Amino acid sequence: MGTITTATVFEHNGALAIDLPDGFVAPDGKVRLVQQEQGMLIVPEASDVGHQAIVQQALDDLRATVREIRQGTAALPSPPMLAPDFAGDELDKMFADIHALTKGEFMPEGRQQPPMPDDVFDFD
């Protein structure tokens, strides 16, 4: 993660401006403002070229992979396996241990869920 610091926001000719601290440079004098949940991100516009190259490379890789799959020269990815290191007997033992620890009771006090709200929508 890069350096985090504060900058001064001020009004200049009726518009808001930001006084960037020393060491922070916008190469061509333009920045992009990205509104985020936590605040605002200031990105030099020149860095878009780097991002475009990364996105383009990712798209090229995806296209190549799709082409290989269609041609049959690449295998489809396998779905992840649940507990690949367990054999059937080991899974049975694991569930038996869980059953023994809970004495066969799951949520013995019952499910404490609030009642469902009425399906009445009044838009007036």
N, C-alpha and C. Protein backbone atom coordinates (compact mmCIF):
# COMPACT_ATOMS: atom_id res chain seq x y z
N MET A 1 0.84 -1.17 0.00
CA MET A 1 0.00 0.00 0.00
C MET A 1 0.88 1.22 0.00
N GLY A 2 0.47 2.24 -0.73
CA GLY A 2 1.26 3.46 -0.83
C GLY A 2 1.13 4.34 0.39
N THR A 3 1.71 5.52 0.28
CA THR A 3 1.67 6.48 1.37
C THR A 3 0.28 7.07 1.50
N ILE A 4 -0.18 7.20 2.74
CA ILE A 4 -1.47 7.83 3.01
C ILE A 4 -1.19 9.11 3.76
N THR A 5 -1.76 10.20 3.28
CA THR A 5 -1.56 11.49 3.93
C THR A 5 -2.82 12.31 3.73
N THR A 6 -2.81 13.53 4.23
CA THR A 6 -3.96 14.41 4.07
C THR A 6 -3.59 15.56 3.15
N ALA A 7 -4.61 16.14 2.53
CA ALA A 7 -4.43 17.29 1.65
C ALA A 7 -5.46 18.34 2.04
N THR A 8 -5.19 19.56 1.67
CA THR A 8 -6.09 20.66 1.99
C THR A 8 -7.04 20.91 0.83
N VAL A 9 -8.33 20.99 1.14
CA VAL A 9 -9.33 21.33 0.15
C VAL A 9 -9.68 22.79 0.36
N PHE A 10 -9.69 23.57 -0.73
CA PHE A 10 -10.01 24.99 -0.62
C PHE A 10 -10.83 25.43 -1.82
N GLU A 11 -11.39 26.63 -1.73
CA GLU A 11 -12.18 27.15 -2.84
C GLU A 11 -11.34 28.10 -3.67
N HIS A 12 -11.41 27.92 -4.99
CA HIS A 12 -10.66 28.76 -5.92
C HIS A 12 -11.56 29.11 -7.10
N ASN A 13 -11.84 30.38 -7.28
CA ASN A 13 -12.72 30.84 -8.36
C ASN A 13 -14.07 30.13 -8.34
N GLY A 14 -14.62 29.91 -7.17
CA GLY A 14 -15.93 29.29 -7.03
C GLY A 14 -15.94 27.78 -7.17
N ALA A 15 -14.77 27.16 -7.30
CA ALA A 15 -14.70 25.70 -7.42
C ALA A 15 -13.82 25.17 -6.29
N LEU A 16 -14.05 23.92 -5.90
CA LEU A 16 -13.20 23.29 -4.90
C LEU A 16 -11.90 22.85 -5.55
N ALA A 17 -10.81 23.02 -4.82
CA ALA A 17 -9.50 22.60 -5.30
C ALA A 17 -8.80 21.84 -4.18
N ILE A 18 -7.84 21.02 -4.56
CA ILE A 18 -7.08 20.24 -3.58
C ILE A 18 -5.62 20.62 -3.71
N ASP A 19 -5.02 20.96 -2.58
CA ASP A 19 -3.59 21.28 -2.54
C ASP A 19 -2.85 19.99 -2.21
N LEU A 20 -2.24 19.38 -3.23
CA LEU A 20 -1.54 18.11 -3.02
C LEU A 20 -0.26 18.34 -2.24
N PRO A 21 0.05 17.46 -1.27
CA PRO A 21 1.29 17.59 -0.52
C PRO A 21 2.51 17.35 -1.41
N ASP A 22 3.68 17.78 -0.94
CA ASP A 22 4.94 17.55 -1.67
C ASP A 22 5.12 16.06 -1.93
N GLY A 23 5.58 15.72 -3.09
CA GLY A 23 5.82 14.32 -3.44
C GLY A 23 4.66 13.67 -4.16
N PHE A 24 3.48 14.27 -4.10
CA PHE A 24 2.32 13.74 -4.82
C PHE A 24 2.19 14.54 -6.11
N VAL A 25 2.28 13.84 -7.24
CA VAL A 25 2.32 14.52 -8.52
C VAL A 25 1.25 13.93 -9.45
N ALA A 26 0.57 14.80 -10.16
CA ALA A 26 -0.33 14.38 -11.24
C ALA A 26 0.40 14.72 -12.53
N PRO A 27 0.97 13.72 -13.23
CA PRO A 27 1.86 13.96 -14.36
C PRO A 27 1.33 14.95 -15.39
N ASP A 28 0.07 14.80 -15.80
CA ASP A 28 -0.43 15.73 -16.81
C ASP A 28 -1.39 16.76 -16.21
N GLY A 29 -1.40 16.86 -14.89
CA GLY A 29 -2.23 17.85 -14.22
C GLY A 29 -3.68 17.46 -14.07
N LYS A 30 -4.05 16.25 -14.50
CA LYS A 30 -5.43 15.80 -14.39
C LYS A 30 -5.49 14.55 -13.53
N VAL A 31 -6.56 14.44 -12.75
CA VAL A 31 -6.78 13.27 -11.91
C VAL A 31 -8.21 12.80 -12.07
N ARG A 32 -8.44 11.55 -11.73
CA ARG A 32 -9.79 11.00 -11.67
C ARG A 32 -10.16 10.90 -10.19
N LEU A 33 -11.40 11.23 -9.87
CA LEU A 33 -11.91 11.09 -8.52
C LEU A 33 -12.84 9.89 -8.49
N VAL A 34 -12.55 8.95 -7.61
CA VAL A 34 -13.35 7.73 -7.50
C VAL A 34 -14.03 7.76 -6.14
N GLN A 35 -15.38 7.86 -6.17
CA GLN A 35 -16.14 7.88 -4.92
C GLN A 35 -16.23 6.46 -4.40
N GLN A 36 -15.84 6.26 -3.15
CA GLN A 36 -15.89 4.94 -2.53
C GLN A 36 -16.70 5.05 -1.25
N GLU A 37 -17.06 3.89 -0.69
CA GLU A 37 -17.85 3.87 0.52
C GLU A 37 -17.14 4.61 1.65
N GLN A 38 -15.82 4.42 1.78
CA GLN A 38 -15.07 5.02 2.87
C GLN A 38 -14.67 6.46 2.58
N GLY A 39 -14.75 6.92 1.36
CA GLY A 39 -14.31 8.26 1.05
C GLY A 39 -14.09 8.43 -0.44
N MET A 40 -12.97 9.08 -0.78
CA MET A 40 -12.68 9.40 -2.17
C MET A 40 -11.24 8.99 -2.48
N LEU A 41 -11.05 8.46 -3.67
CA LEU A 41 -9.73 8.06 -4.14
C LEU A 41 -9.34 8.97 -5.30
N ILE A 42 -8.14 9.51 -5.24
CA ILE A 42 -7.64 10.39 -6.30
C ILE A 42 -6.59 9.61 -7.09
N VAL A 43 -6.84 9.42 -8.40
CA VAL A 43 -5.95 8.63 -9.24
C VAL A 43 -5.47 9.50 -10.40
N PRO A 44 -4.15 9.59 -10.60
CA PRO A 44 -3.66 10.35 -11.76
C PRO A 44 -4.23 9.77 -13.05
N GLU A 45 -4.68 10.62 -13.94
CA GLU A 45 -5.29 10.16 -15.18
C GLU A 45 -4.30 9.37 -16.03
N ALA A 46 -3.02 9.69 -15.95
CA ALA A 46 -2.02 8.97 -16.74
C ALA A 46 -1.95 7.50 -16.35
N SER A 47 -2.34 7.15 -15.11
CA SER A 47 -2.26 5.75 -14.68
C SER A 47 -3.31 4.90 -15.37
N ASP A 48 -4.32 5.54 -16.00
CA ASP A 48 -5.33 4.77 -16.72
C ASP A 48 -4.70 3.94 -17.82
N VAL A 49 -3.62 4.42 -18.41
CA VAL A 49 -2.95 3.69 -19.48
C VAL A 49 -2.46 2.35 -18.96
N GLY A 50 -1.88 2.34 -17.76
CA GLY A 50 -1.42 1.09 -17.15
C GLY A 50 -2.56 0.15 -16.86
N HIS A 51 -3.68 0.69 -16.36
CA HIS A 51 -4.83 -0.15 -16.06
C HIS A 51 -5.42 -0.73 -17.34
N GLN A 52 -5.46 0.08 -18.39
CA GLN A 52 -6.00 -0.41 -19.65
C GLN A 52 -5.15 -1.57 -20.18
N ALA A 53 -3.84 -1.47 -20.02
CA ALA A 53 -2.95 -2.55 -20.48
C ALA A 53 -3.21 -3.83 -19.68
N ILE A 54 -3.42 -3.70 -18.38
CA ILE A 54 -3.69 -4.87 -17.53
C ILE A 54 -5.01 -5.51 -17.92
N VAL A 55 -6.04 -4.68 -18.10
CA VAL A 55 -7.35 -5.20 -18.50
C VAL A 55 -7.27 -5.86 -19.86
N GLN A 56 -6.57 -5.23 -20.80
CA GLN A 56 -6.43 -5.79 -22.13
C GLN A 56 -5.72 -7.15 -22.09
N GLN A 57 -4.68 -7.26 -21.27
CA GLN A 57 -3.96 -8.53 -21.14
C GLN A 57 -4.87 -9.61 -20.55
N ALA A 58 -5.66 -9.25 -19.55
CA ALA A 58 -6.58 -10.21 -18.96
C ALA A 58 -7.62 -10.68 -19.99
N LEU A 59 -8.14 -9.75 -20.79
CA LEU A 59 -9.09 -10.12 -21.83
C LEU A 59 -8.45 -11.01 -22.88
N ASP A 60 -7.23 -10.70 -23.27
CA ASP A 60 -6.53 -11.53 -24.25
C ASP A 60 -6.33 -12.95 -23.70
N ASP A 61 -5.94 -13.06 -22.42
CA ASP A 61 -5.76 -14.37 -21.80
C ASP A 61 -7.07 -15.15 -21.76
N LEU A 62 -8.16 -14.46 -21.41
CA LEU A 62 -9.47 -15.10 -21.36
C LEU A 62 -9.88 -15.60 -22.74
N ARG A 63 -9.70 -14.75 -23.75
CA ARG A 63 -10.05 -15.15 -25.11
C ARG A 63 -9.24 -16.38 -25.55
N ALA A 64 -7.96 -16.39 -25.22
CA ALA A 64 -7.11 -17.53 -25.59
C ALA A 64 -7.58 -18.81 -24.90
N THR A 65 -7.95 -18.70 -23.62
CA THR A 65 -8.42 -19.87 -22.88
C THR A 65 -9.73 -20.38 -23.47
N VAL A 66 -10.65 -19.48 -23.79
CA VAL A 66 -11.92 -19.89 -24.39
C VAL A 66 -11.67 -20.56 -25.73
N ARG A 67 -10.77 -20.00 -26.52
CA ARG A 67 -10.42 -20.59 -27.82
C ARG A 67 -9.88 -22.01 -27.63
N GLU A 68 -8.99 -22.20 -26.65
CA GLU A 68 -8.42 -23.54 -26.40
C GLU A 68 -9.49 -24.52 -25.96
N ILE A 69 -10.42 -24.06 -25.11
CA ILE A 69 -11.49 -24.95 -24.66
C ILE A 69 -12.37 -25.35 -25.83
N ARG A 70 -12.71 -24.39 -26.68
CA ARG A 70 -13.55 -24.69 -27.84
C ARG A 70 -12.87 -25.64 -28.81
N GLN A 71 -11.55 -25.52 -28.94
CA GLN A 71 -10.81 -26.39 -29.85
C GLN A 71 -10.51 -27.75 -29.21
N GLY A 72 -10.79 -27.86 -27.93
CA GLY A 72 -10.54 -29.13 -27.25
C GLY A 72 -9.09 -29.31 -26.84
N THR A 73 -8.29 -28.24 -26.90
CA THR A 73 -6.88 -28.38 -26.53
C THR A 73 -6.63 -28.01 -25.07
N ALA A 74 -7.67 -27.56 -24.37
CA ALA A 74 -7.53 -27.23 -22.94
C ALA A 74 -8.65 -27.92 -22.19
N ALA A 75 -8.34 -28.38 -21.01
CA ALA A 75 -9.35 -29.04 -20.19
C ALA A 75 -10.16 -28.00 -19.44
N LEU A 76 -11.43 -28.30 -19.25
CA LEU A 76 -12.25 -27.43 -18.43
C LEU A 76 -11.76 -27.52 -16.99
N PRO A 77 -11.83 -26.42 -16.27
CA PRO A 77 -11.39 -26.49 -14.87
C PRO A 77 -12.30 -27.42 -14.08
N SER A 78 -11.72 -28.17 -13.15
CA SER A 78 -12.50 -29.07 -12.32
C SER A 78 -13.15 -28.29 -11.19
N PRO A 79 -14.35 -28.67 -10.81
CA PRO A 79 -14.97 -28.01 -9.67
C PRO A 79 -14.21 -28.38 -8.40
N PRO A 80 -14.18 -27.49 -7.42
CA PRO A 80 -13.48 -27.81 -6.18
C PRO A 80 -14.17 -28.98 -5.48
N MET A 81 -13.39 -29.81 -4.83
CA MET A 81 -13.93 -30.96 -4.13
C MET A 81 -14.11 -30.65 -2.66
N LEU A 82 -15.15 -31.21 -2.08
CA LEU A 82 -15.37 -31.07 -0.65
C LEU A 82 -14.48 -32.07 0.06
N ALA A 83 -13.63 -31.57 0.91
CA ALA A 83 -12.75 -32.42 1.72
C ALA A 83 -12.06 -33.47 0.86
N PRO A 84 -11.19 -33.07 -0.08
CA PRO A 84 -10.59 -34.04 -0.99
C PRO A 84 -9.71 -35.06 -0.30
N ASP A 85 -9.24 -34.76 0.92
CA ASP A 85 -8.35 -35.69 1.61
C ASP A 85 -9.09 -36.75 2.42
N PHE A 86 -10.42 -36.67 2.45
CA PHE A 86 -11.20 -37.61 3.24
C PHE A 86 -11.74 -38.71 2.36
N ALA A 87 -11.67 -39.92 2.86
CA ALA A 87 -12.33 -41.05 2.19
C ALA A 87 -13.71 -41.19 2.83
N GLY A 88 -14.56 -42.01 2.25
CA GLY A 88 -15.93 -42.18 2.75
C GLY A 88 -15.99 -42.56 4.22
N ASP A 89 -15.15 -43.51 4.65
CA ASP A 89 -15.16 -43.95 6.05
C ASP A 89 -14.74 -42.82 6.98
N GLU A 90 -13.78 -42.01 6.55
CA GLU A 90 -13.33 -40.90 7.38
C GLU A 90 -14.42 -39.85 7.56
N LEU A 91 -15.18 -39.60 6.48
CA LEU A 91 -16.30 -38.65 6.59
C LEU A 91 -17.36 -39.19 7.54
N ASP A 92 -17.67 -40.49 7.45
CA ASP A 92 -18.65 -41.09 8.35
C ASP A 92 -18.20 -40.95 9.79
N LYS A 93 -16.90 -41.18 10.05
CA LYS A 93 -16.37 -41.06 11.40
C LYS A 93 -16.46 -39.62 11.89
N MET A 94 -16.15 -38.66 11.00
CA MET A 94 -16.21 -37.25 11.38
C MET A 94 -17.64 -36.87 11.78
N PHE A 95 -18.64 -37.29 10.99
CA PHE A 95 -20.02 -36.96 11.34
C PHE A 95 -20.48 -37.69 12.60
N ALA A 96 -19.98 -38.90 12.81
CA ALA A 96 -20.31 -39.63 14.04
C ALA A 96 -19.73 -38.90 15.25
N ASP A 97 -18.51 -38.37 15.13
CA ASP A 97 -17.91 -37.60 16.22
C ASP A 97 -18.72 -36.34 16.52
N ILE A 98 -19.15 -35.66 15.47
CA ILE A 98 -19.97 -34.46 15.66
C ILE A 98 -21.27 -34.83 16.36
N HIS A 99 -21.89 -35.92 15.92
CA HIS A 99 -23.13 -36.39 16.52
C HIS A 99 -22.93 -36.72 18.00
N ALA A 100 -21.79 -37.35 18.32
CA ALA A 100 -21.50 -37.70 19.71
C ALA A 100 -21.29 -36.45 20.57
N LEU A 101 -20.61 -35.46 20.01
CA LEU A 101 -20.37 -34.23 20.77
C LEU A 101 -21.66 -33.47 21.05
N THR A 102 -22.60 -33.49 20.14
CA THR A 102 -23.85 -32.75 20.32
C THR A 102 -24.94 -33.62 20.93
N LYS A 103 -24.59 -34.86 21.25
CA LYS A 103 -25.54 -35.84 21.82
C LYS A 103 -26.80 -35.97 20.96
N GLY A 104 -26.61 -35.82 19.66
CA GLY A 104 -27.71 -36.00 18.73
C GLY A 104 -28.68 -34.83 18.70
N GLU A 105 -28.38 -33.79 19.45
CA GLU A 105 -29.29 -32.64 19.51
C GLU A 105 -28.69 -31.47 18.74
N PHE A 106 -29.42 -31.00 17.78
CA PHE A 106 -29.02 -29.79 17.08
C PHE A 106 -30.07 -28.74 17.37
N MET A 107 -29.66 -27.65 17.95
CA MET A 107 -30.55 -26.56 18.35
C MET A 107 -31.68 -27.10 19.24
N PRO A 108 -31.33 -27.70 20.40
CA PRO A 108 -32.36 -28.32 21.24
C PRO A 108 -33.43 -27.33 21.71
N GLU A 109 -33.08 -26.05 21.82
CA GLU A 109 -34.07 -25.06 22.25
C GLU A 109 -34.97 -24.61 21.11
N GLY A 110 -34.71 -25.12 19.93
CA GLY A 110 -35.52 -24.77 18.77
C GLY A 110 -34.98 -23.53 18.07
N ARG A 111 -35.51 -23.30 16.92
CA ARG A 111 -35.07 -22.15 16.12
C ARG A 111 -35.84 -20.92 16.59
N GLN A 112 -35.13 -19.92 17.06
CA GLN A 112 -35.74 -18.70 17.58
C GLN A 112 -35.77 -17.63 16.50
N GLN A 113 -36.64 -17.81 15.53
CA GLN A 113 -36.73 -16.86 14.43
C GLN A 113 -37.95 -15.98 14.64
N PRO A 114 -37.80 -14.65 14.41
CA PRO A 114 -38.97 -13.77 14.57
C PRO A 114 -40.02 -14.08 13.52
N PRO A 115 -41.27 -13.73 13.80
CA PRO A 115 -42.32 -14.02 12.81
C PRO A 115 -42.11 -13.22 11.54
N MET A 116 -42.63 -13.76 10.44
CA MET A 116 -42.52 -13.08 9.15
C MET A 116 -43.41 -11.85 9.16
N PRO A 117 -42.97 -10.77 8.52
CA PRO A 117 -43.83 -9.59 8.44
C PRO A 117 -44.98 -9.82 7.48
N ASP A 118 -46.04 -9.04 7.66
CA ASP A 118 -47.19 -9.14 6.76
C ASP A 118 -46.77 -8.68 5.36
N ASP A 119 -47.39 -9.30 4.36
CA ASP A 119 -47.11 -8.93 2.98
C ASP A 119 -48.03 -7.81 2.52
N VAL A 120 -48.10 -6.76 3.30
CA VAL A 120 -48.95 -5.63 2.96
C VAL A 120 -48.06 -4.47 2.60
N PHE A 121 -48.21 -3.98 1.37
CA PHE A 121 -47.41 -2.86 0.90
C PHE A 121 -48.37 -1.70 0.61
N ASP A 122 -48.20 -0.63 1.33
CA ASP A 122 -49.04 0.55 1.11
C ASP A 122 -48.15 1.64 0.54
N PHE A 123 -48.32 1.92 -0.75
CA PHE A 123 -47.49 2.90 -1.42
C PHE A 123 -48.11 4.29 -1.45
N ASP A 124 -49.22 4.47 -0.75
CA ASP A 124 -49.87 5.79 -0.72
C ASP A 124 -49.30 6.66 0.37
